[in-house]
C-alpha atoms as a PDB file:
ATOM      1  CA  MET A   1       0.934   6.625   9.964  1.00  0.00           C
ATOM      2  CA  PHE A   2       0.444   8.225   6.615  1.00  0.00           C
ATOM      3  CA  THR A   3      -2.365   9.676   4.530  1.00  0.00           C
ATOM      4  CA  GLY A   4      -1.628   8.352   1.018  1.00  0.00           C
ATOM      5  CA  ILE A   5      -1.284  11.960  -0.259  1.00  0.00           C
ATOM      6  CA  VAL A   6       2.140  11.862  -1.930  1.00  0.00           C
ATOM      7  CA  GLU A   7       4.140  14.954  -1.138  1.00  0.00           C
ATOM      8  CA  THR A   8       6.832  14.774  -3.850  1.00  0.00           C
ATOM      9  CA  ILE A   9       8.585  12.438  -6.211  1.00  0.00           C
ATOM     10  CA  GLY A  10      12.193  11.670  -5.256  1.00  0.00           C
ATOM     11  CA  THR A  11      14.902  10.056  -7.265  1.00  0.00           C
ATOM     12  CA  VAL A  12      16.762   6.812  -6.455  1.00  0.00           C
ATOM     13  CA  SER A  13      20.497   7.646  -5.971  1.00  0.00           C
ATOM     14  CA  SER A  14      21.703   4.248  -4.852  1.00  0.00           C
ATOM     15  CA  LEU A  15      20.467   0.808  -3.752  1.00  0.00           C
ATOM     16  CA  VAL A  16      23.240  -0.993  -1.927  1.00  0.00           C
ATOM     17  CA  HIS A  17      22.561  -4.624  -0.946  1.00  0.00           C
ATOM     18  CA  LEU A  18      25.398  -4.802   1.517  1.00  0.00           C
ATOM     19  CA  ASP A  19      26.004  -1.438   3.108  1.00  0.00           C
ATOM     20  CA  ASP A  20      28.800  -1.708   5.640  1.00  0.00           C
ATOM     21  CA  SER A  21      28.850   2.017   6.471  1.00  0.00           C
ATOM     22  CA  SER A  22      27.844   3.351   9.869  1.00  0.00           C
ATOM     23  CA  THR A  23      24.383   4.231   8.538  1.00  0.00           C
ATOM     24  CA  GLY A  24      23.927   1.104   6.524  1.00  0.00           C
ATOM     25  CA  GLY A  25      24.077  -1.412   9.337  1.00  0.00           C
ATOM     26  CA  GLY A  26      25.478  -4.183   7.206  1.00  0.00           C
ATOM     27  CA  GLY A  27      22.259  -4.684   5.285  1.00  0.00           C
ATOM     28  CA  THR A  28      20.431  -3.178   2.256  1.00  0.00           C
ATOM     29  CA  SER A  29      20.280   0.582   2.080  1.00  0.00           C
ATOM     30  CA  LEU A  30      18.380   2.902  -0.156  1.00  0.00           C
ATOM     31  CA  THR A  31      19.318   6.531  -0.804  1.00  0.00           C
ATOM     32  CA  ILE A  32      16.945   9.055  -2.269  1.00  0.00           C
ATOM     33  CA  SER A  33      17.725  12.487  -3.698  1.00  0.00           C
ATOM     34  CA  ASN A  34      15.637  15.472  -4.898  1.00  0.00           C
ATOM     35  CA  ALA A  35      13.758  15.311  -1.597  1.00  0.00           C
ATOM     36  CA  GLU A  36      14.584  18.773  -0.198  1.00  0.00           C
ATOM     37  CA  CYS A  37      10.921  19.730   0.165  1.00  0.00           C
ATOM     38  CA  ILE A  38      10.256  16.967   2.763  1.00  0.00           C
ATOM     39  CA  LEU A  39      13.614  17.178   4.674  1.00  0.00           C
ATOM     40  CA  ASP A  40      13.312  20.666   6.305  1.00  0.00           C
ATOM     41  CA  ASP A  41      12.002  19.154   9.538  1.00  0.00           C
ATOM     42  CA  VAL A  42      13.434  15.640   9.351  1.00  0.00           C
ATOM     43  CA  HIS A  43      15.370  13.934  12.208  1.00  0.00           C
ATOM     44  CA  LEU A  44      17.272  10.676  12.423  1.00  0.00           C
ATOM     45  CA  GLY A  45      14.783   7.918  13.132  1.00  0.00           C
ATOM     46  CA  ASP A  46      11.886   9.580  11.452  1.00  0.00           C
ATOM     47  CA  SER A  47       9.647   7.639   9.175  1.00  0.00           C
ATOM     48  CA  ILE A  48       9.251   8.405   5.467  1.00  0.00           C
ATOM     49  CA  ALA A  49       7.191   6.282   3.118  1.00  0.00           C
ATOM     50  CA  ILE A  50       8.976   5.400  -0.159  1.00  0.00           C
ATOM     51  CA  ASN A  51       6.491   3.972  -2.659  1.00  0.00           C
ATOM     52  CA  GLY A  52       4.106   3.254   0.286  1.00  0.00           C
ATOM     53  CA  THR A  53       6.744   1.539   2.394  1.00  0.00           C
ATOM     54  CA  CYS A  54       7.370   2.966   5.875  1.00  0.00           C
ATOM     55  CA  LEU A  55      11.150   3.216   6.380  1.00  0.00           C
ATOM     56  CA  THR A  56      13.475   4.869   8.933  1.00  0.00           C
ATOM     57  CA  VAL A  57      15.841   7.665   8.136  1.00  0.00           C
ATOM     58  CA  THR A  58      19.446   6.812   9.035  1.00  0.00           C
ATOM     59  CA  GLU A  59      21.207   9.659   7.379  1.00  0.00           C
ATOM     60  CA  PHE A  60      20.288  12.865   5.557  1.00  0.00           C
ATOM     61  CA  THR A  61      21.580  16.117   4.062  1.00  0.00           C
ATOM     62  CA  LYS A  62      19.682  19.131   2.663  1.00  0.00           C
ATOM     63  CA  ASP A  63      18.079  17.180  -0.213  1.00  0.00           C
ATOM     64  CA  ILE A  64      19.205  13.553   0.189  1.00  0.00           C
ATOM     65  CA  PHE A  65      18.321  10.844   2.733  1.00  0.00           C
ATOM     66  CA  LYS A  66      19.139   7.202   3.357  1.00  0.00           C
ATOM     67  CA  VAL A  67      17.055   4.364   4.878  1.00  0.00           C
ATOM     68  CA  GLY A  68      17.649   0.820   5.737  1.00  0.00           C
ATOM     69  CA  VAL A  69      15.567  -1.887   3.954  1.00  0.00           C
ATOM     70  CA  ALA A  70      14.944  -5.142   5.899  1.00  0.00           C
ATOM     71  CA  PRO A  71      14.822  -8.639   4.236  1.00  0.00           C
ATOM     72  CA  GLU A  72      11.069  -8.887   4.918  1.00  0.00           C
ATOM     73  CA  THR A  73      10.518  -5.553   3.174  1.00  0.00           C
ATOM     74  CA  LEU A  74      12.489  -6.700   0.157  1.00  0.00           C
ATOM     75  CA  ARG A  75      10.301  -9.779  -0.037  1.00  0.00           C
ATOM     76  CA  ARG A  76       7.037  -7.950   0.283  1.00  0.00           C
ATOM     77  CA  THR A  77       7.677  -4.895  -1.888  1.00  0.00           C
ATOM     78  CA  ASN A  78       9.132  -3.786  -5.219  1.00  0.00           C
ATOM     79  CA  LEU A  79      11.890  -1.822  -3.597  1.00  0.00           C
ATOM     80  CA  GLY A  80      14.538  -4.408  -4.467  1.00  0.00           C
ATOM     81  CA  ASP A  81      13.729  -3.774  -8.263  1.00  0.00           C
ATOM     82  CA  LEU A  82      14.527  -0.071  -8.032  1.00  0.00           C
ATOM     83  CA  LYS A  83      17.326   1.290 -10.266  1.00  0.00           C
ATOM     84  CA  VAL A  84      19.385   4.437 -10.012  1.00  0.00           C
ATOM     85  CA  GLY A  85      17.443   7.304 -11.577  1.00  0.00           C
ATOM     86  CA  MET A  86      13.901   5.927 -10.994  1.00  0.00           C
ATOM     87  CA  GLY A  87      11.304   8.073  -9.385  1.00  0.00           C
ATOM     88  CA  VAL A  88       9.624   7.133  -6.092  1.00  0.00           C
ATOM     89  CA  ASN A  89       6.614   8.531  -4.233  1.00  0.00           C
ATOM     90  CA  LEU A  90       7.507  10.179  -0.908  1.00  0.00           C
ATOM     91  CA  GLU A  91       5.406  11.075   2.108  1.00  0.00           C
ATOM     92  CA  ARG A  92       6.388  11.982   5.658  1.00  0.00           C
ATOM     93  CA  ALA A  93       4.551  10.585   8.592  1.00  0.00           C
ATOM     94  CA  VAL A  94       1.500  12.572   9.150  1.00  0.00           C
ATOM     95  CA  ALA A  95       1.596  15.475  11.688  1.00  0.00           C
ATOM     96  CA  GLY A  96      -1.273  16.254  14.045  1.00  0.00           C
ATOM     97  CA  HIS A  97      -2.084  19.587  12.398  1.00  0.00           C
ATOM     98  CA  VAL A  98      -2.318  18.179   8.872  1.00  0.00           C
ATOM     99  CA  ARG A  99      -5.670  17.987   7.055  1.00  0.00           C
ATOM    100  CA  PHE A 100      -6.333  14.257   6.436  1.00  0.00           C
ATOM    101  CA  GLY A 101      -7.012  14.169   2.700  1.00  0.00           C
ATOM    102  CA  GLY A 102      -6.542  10.473   1.970  1.00  0.00           C
ATOM    103  CA  HIS A 103      -7.107   7.521   4.328  1.00  0.00           C
ATOM    104  CA  PHE A 104      -5.315   5.730   7.207  1.00  0.00           C
ATOM    105  CA  VAL A 105      -2.137   4.230   5.622  1.00  0.00           C
ATOM    106  CA  GLN A 106       0.268   2.261   7.719  1.00  0.00           C
ATOM    107  CA  GLY A 107       3.080   1.924   5.230  1.00  0.00           C
ATOM    108  CA  HIS A 108       3.065  -1.835   5.730  1.00  0.00           C
ATOM    109  CA  VAL A 109       2.848  -3.281   2.248  1.00  0.00           C
ATOM    110  CA  ASP A 110       0.696  -6.456   1.893  1.00  0.00           C
ATOM    111  CA  THR A 111       1.825  -7.512  -1.595  1.00  0.00           C
ATOM    112  CA  THR A 112       2.679  -6.226  -5.038  1.00  0.00           C
ATOM    113  CA  ALA A 113       0.516  -6.062  -8.125  1.00  0.00           C
ATOM    114  CA  THR A 114       1.386  -6.149 -11.823  1.00  0.00           C
ATOM    115  CA  ILE A 115       0.013  -3.607 -14.218  1.00  0.00           C
ATOM    116  CA  LEU A 116      -2.231  -5.414 -16.810  1.00  0.00           C
ATOM    117  CA  SER A 117      -3.455  -2.451 -18.837  1.00  0.00           C
ATOM    118  CA  LYS A 118      -3.606   1.310 -19.091  1.00  0.00           C
ATOM    119  CA  THR A 119      -6.717   2.711 -20.763  1.00  0.00           C
ATOM    120  CA  PRO A 120      -7.231   6.466 -21.459  1.00  0.00           C
ATOM    121  CA  ASP A 121     -10.609   7.823 -20.580  1.00  0.00           C
ATOM    122  CA  GLY A 122     -10.939  11.477 -21.491  1.00  0.00           C
ATOM    123  CA  ASN A 123      -8.120  13.238 -19.587  1.00  0.00           C
ATOM    124  CA  ALA A 124      -8.110  10.425 -17.040  1.00  0.00           C
ATOM    125  CA  ILE A 125      -6.575   6.986 -17.243  1.00  0.00           C
ATOM    126  CA  THR A 126      -7.899   3.598 -15.943  1.00  0.00           C
ATOM    127  CA  ILE A 127      -5.187   1.159 -14.818  1.00  0.00           C
ATOM    128  CA  ARG A 128      -5.849  -2.536 -14.186  1.00  0.00           C
ATOM    129  CA  PHE A 129      -3.769  -4.544 -11.758  1.00  0.00           C
ATOM    130  CA  ARG A 130      -3.374  -8.246 -10.843  1.00  0.00           C
ATOM    131  CA  PRO A 131      -2.146  -8.749  -7.250  1.00  0.00           C
ATOM    132  CA  SER A 132       0.679 -11.213  -6.642  1.00  0.00           C
ATOM    133  CA  ASP A 133      -1.239 -12.604  -3.783  1.00  0.00           C
ATOM    134  CA  PRO A 134      -4.917 -13.042  -4.847  1.00  0.00           C
ATOM    135  CA  ALA A 135      -5.925 -13.436  -1.126  1.00  0.00           C
ATOM    136  CA  VAL A 136      -5.929  -9.632  -0.742  1.00  0.00           C
ATOM    137  CA  LEU A 137      -8.900  -9.338  -3.141  1.00  0.00           C
ATOM    138  CA  VAL A 138     -11.217 -10.066  -0.309  1.00  0.00           C
ATOM    139  CA  TYR A 139     -10.300  -6.654   1.144  1.00  0.00           C
ATOM    140  CA  ILE A 140     -10.693  -4.830  -2.206  1.00  0.00           C
ATOM    141  CA  VAL A 141     -14.168  -3.468  -2.950  1.00  0.00           C
ATOM    142  CA  GLU A 142     -15.597  -1.047  -5.512  1.00  0.00           C
ATOM    143  CA  LYS A 143     -15.414   2.461  -4.212  1.00  0.00           C
ATOM    144  CA  GLY A 144     -13.219   1.440  -1.370  1.00  0.00           C
ATOM    145  CA  TYR A 145      -9.680   2.685  -0.553  1.00  0.00           C
ATOM    146  CA  ILE A 146      -6.380   1.146  -1.657  1.00  0.00           C
ATOM    147  CA  THR A 147      -2.859   2.317  -1.417  1.00  0.00           C
ATOM    148  CA  LEU A 148      -0.689   1.797  -4.488  1.00  0.00           C
ATOM    149  CA  ASP A 149       2.935   2.810  -4.243  1.00  0.00           C
ATOM    150  CA  GLY A 150       1.950   4.996  -1.372  1.00  0.00           C
ATOM    151  CA  ALA A 151      -0.898   6.772  -3.116  1.00  0.00           C
ATOM    152  CA  SER A 152      -4.371   6.718  -1.710  1.00  0.00           C
ATOM    153  CA  LEU A 153      -6.700   5.766  -4.571  1.00  0.00           C
ATOM    154  CA  THR A 154     -10.302   4.631  -5.071  1.00  0.00           C
ATOM    155  CA  ILE A 155     -11.230   1.230  -6.531  1.00  0.00           C
ATOM    156  CA  VAL A 156     -13.461   1.724  -9.571  1.00  0.00           C
ATOM    157  CA  ALA A 157     -13.839  -1.969 -10.493  1.00  0.00           C
ATOM    158  CA  VAL A 158     -12.895  -5.408  -9.115  1.00  0.00           C
ATOM    159  CA  ASP A 159     -13.232  -8.909 -10.519  1.00  0.00           C
ATOM    160  CA  ASP A 160     -12.594 -11.572  -7.911  1.00  0.00           C
ATOM    161  CA  LYS A 161     -12.892 -14.416 -10.437  1.00  0.00           C
ATOM    162  CA  GLU A 162     -10.442 -12.886 -12.921  1.00  0.00           C
ATOM    163  CA  GLU A 163      -8.344 -11.696 -10.069  1.00  0.00           C
ATOM    164  CA  TRP A 164      -7.962  -7.995 -11.098  1.00  0.00           C
ATOM    165  CA  PHE A 165      -8.957  -4.542  -9.847  1.00  0.00           C
ATOM    166  CA  GLU A 166      -8.854  -1.047 -11.408  1.00  0.00           C
ATOM    167  CA  VAL A 167      -8.305   2.533 -10.344  1.00  0.00           C
ATOM    168  CA  MET A 168      -8.769   5.705 -12.305  1.00  0.00           C
ATOM    169  CA  LEU A 169      -6.216   8.568 -12.150  1.00  0.00           C
ATOM    170  CA  VAL A 170      -7.403  12.124 -12.846  1.00  0.00           C
ATOM    171  CA  ALA A 171      -5.012  14.481 -14.760  1.00  0.00           C
ATOM    172  CA  TYR A 172      -3.750  16.151 -11.553  1.00  0.00           C
ATOM    173  CA  THR A 173      -2.902  12.863  -9.839  1.00  0.00           C
ATOM    174  CA  GLN A 174      -1.130  11.631 -12.973  1.00  0.00           C
ATOM    175  CA  GLU A 175       1.403  14.522 -12.573  1.00  0.00           C
ATOM    176  CA  LYS A 176       1.984  13.918  -8.858  1.00  0.00           C
ATOM    177  CA  ILE A 177       2.755  10.201  -8.562  1.00  0.00           C
ATOM    178  CA  VAL A 178       5.000   7.634 -10.294  1.00  0.00           C
ATOM    179  CA  ILE A 179       2.397   5.069 -11.317  1.00  0.00           C
ATOM    180  CA  PRO A 180       1.618   6.704 -14.701  1.00  0.00           C
ATOM    181  CA  ARG A 181       5.237   6.475 -15.604  1.00  0.00           C
ATOM    182  CA  LYS A 182       5.215   2.688 -15.218  1.00  0.00           C
ATOM    183  CA  GLN A 183       4.556   0.392 -18.112  1.00  0.00           C
ATOM    184  CA  VAL A 184       2.418  -2.739 -18.445  1.00  0.00           C
ATOM    185  CA  GLY A 185       4.176  -5.583 -16.748  1.00  0.00           C
ATOM    186  CA  GLU A 186       5.724  -3.382 -13.993  1.00  0.00           C
ATOM    187  CA  SER A 187       4.672  -3.676 -10.395  1.00  0.00           C
ATOM    188  CA  VAL A 188       3.357  -1.502  -7.621  1.00  0.00           C
ATOM    189  CA  ASN A 189       3.229  -1.902  -3.904  1.00  0.00           C
ATOM    190  CA  VAL A 190      -0.209  -2.693  -2.476  1.00  0.00           C
ATOM    191  CA  GLU A 191      -1.610  -1.961   0.975  1.00  0.00           C
ATOM    192  CA  VAL A 192      -5.264  -2.758   1.453  1.00  0.00           C
ATOM    193  CA  ASP A 193      -7.535  -0.865   3.828  1.00  0.00           C
ATOM    194  CA  MET A 194      -6.614  -2.155   7.276  1.00  0.00           C
ATOM    195  CA  ALA A 195     -10.255  -1.650   8.591  1.00  0.00           C
ATOM    196  CA  GLY A 196     -11.303  -4.643   6.558  1.00  0.00           C
ATOM    197  CA  LYS A 197      -8.648  -6.839   8.234  1.00  0.00           C
ATOM    198  CA  TYR A 198      -9.731  -5.828  11.727  1.00  0.00           C
ATOM    199  CA  ILE A 199     -13.412  -6.506  10.906  1.00  0.00           C
ATOM    200  CA  GLU A 200     -12.604  -9.863   9.437  1.00  0.00           C
ATOM    201  CA  LYS A 201     -10.596 -10.879  12.485  1.00  0.00           C
ATOM    202  CA  GLN A 202     -13.328  -9.874  14.901  1.00  0.00           C
ATOM    203  CA  VAL A 203     -16.019 -11.588  12.917  1.00  0.00           C
ATOM    204  CA  LYS A 204     -13.958 -14.768  12.718  1.00  0.00           C
ATOM    205  CA  ALA A 205     -13.384 -14.721  16.388  1.00  0.00           C
ATOM    206  CA  HIS A 206     -17.077 -14.338  17.315  1.00  0.00           C
ATOM    207  CA  LEU A 207     -18.041 -17.077  14.855  1.00  0.00           C
ATOM    208  CA  GLU A 208     -15.500 -19.499  16.200  1.00  0.00           C
ATOM    209  CA  LYS A 209     -16.532 -18.713  19.742  1.00  0.00           C
ATOM    210  CA  GLY A 210     -20.197 -19.315  18.775  1.00  0.00           C
ATOM    211  CA  LEU A 211     -19.407 -22.584  17.036  1.00  0.00           C
ATOM    212  CA  GLY A 212     -18.034 -23.994  20.254  1.00  0.00           C
ATOM    213  CA  ALA A 213     -21.094 -23.199  22.375  1.00  0.00           C
ATOM    214  CA  GLN A 214     -24.533 -24.854  22.485  1.00  0.00           C
ATOM    215  CA  GLY A 215     -24.228 -26.776  19.220  1.00  0.00           C
ATOM    216  CA  GLY A 216     -22.655 -23.872  17.316  1.00  0.00           C
ATOM    217  CA  LEU A 217     -23.836 -20.489  16.122  1.00  0.00           C
ATOM    218  CA  LEU A 218     -24.069 -21.556  12.430  1.00  0.00           C
ATOM    219  CA  GLN A 219     -26.086 -24.698  13.366  1.00  0.00           C
ATOM    220  CA  LYS A 220     -28.509 -22.544  15.371  1.00  0.00           C
ATOM    221  CA  MET A 221     -28.967 -20.086  12.564  1.00  0.00           C
ATOM    222  CA  VAL A 222     -29.651 -22.900  10.077  1.00  0.00           C
ATOM    223  CA  GLN A 223     -32.091 -24.526  12.544  1.00  0.00           C
ATOM    224  CA  GLU A 224     -33.980 -21.273  12.975  1.00  0.00           C
ATOM    225  CA  ALA A 225     -34.148 -20.723   9.159  1.00  0.00           C
ATOM    226  CA  VAL A 226     -35.521 -24.233   8.618  1.00  0.00           C
ATOM    227  CA  GLU A 227     -38.180 -23.840  11.376  1.00  0.00           C
ATOM    228  CA  LYS A 228     -39.235 -20.506   9.924  1.00  0.00           C
ATOM    229  CA  ALA A 229     -39.633 -22.017   6.437  1.00  0.00           C
ATOM    230  CA  LEU A 230     -41.724 -24.932   7.807  1.00  0.00           C
ATOM    231  CA  ARG A 231     -44.043 -22.574   9.668  1.00  0.00           C
ATOM    232  CA  LYS A 232     -44.769 -20.947   6.339  1.00  0.00           C
END
């Protein structure tokens, strides 16, 4: 579990698509440098979010660590597009004593989104995104939470019809995360607020259960509405 408060920006040292070393496991591995400030208490097997993706540490030194990247992760995220020298947002799994400044972030990326525009607004900047999977828009609401490349941000506008949403970055945030460095056309990882998913599932379950009993819940609701209208 993470908070979406990025701790530091690391640098991609390598992305190996077939790492046969003892810490590569014969799959894709990603090595990040300039990460000394988050490695003072790290252990093998710990979770670190890289651009919002929860990954497991398989090797580390004083300022470098390596993680394995599963095929599903490569399909869902933008990690496969990383190049040596690129910056990435980093956050360790949250500790019990840490003040919770963002929101509950799992590090399980739902989809990616493409930057459509970047518009200055005073010392802030508004960035518009279009998700690769428009289905996630049902979980994106104005003033709600969203995680972009691991950063907990607030939605300032959303258009379901045009399939875009916007966030605004204040000056401080612009200095602490990688998104402002990205250009129009580049992508970010997206994790929507998981509370919406749980609520949707529970509501669907109750509706489906009701539909199978005594003529259906929706039918009963419609009938009651008609009867009420006729009484008037």
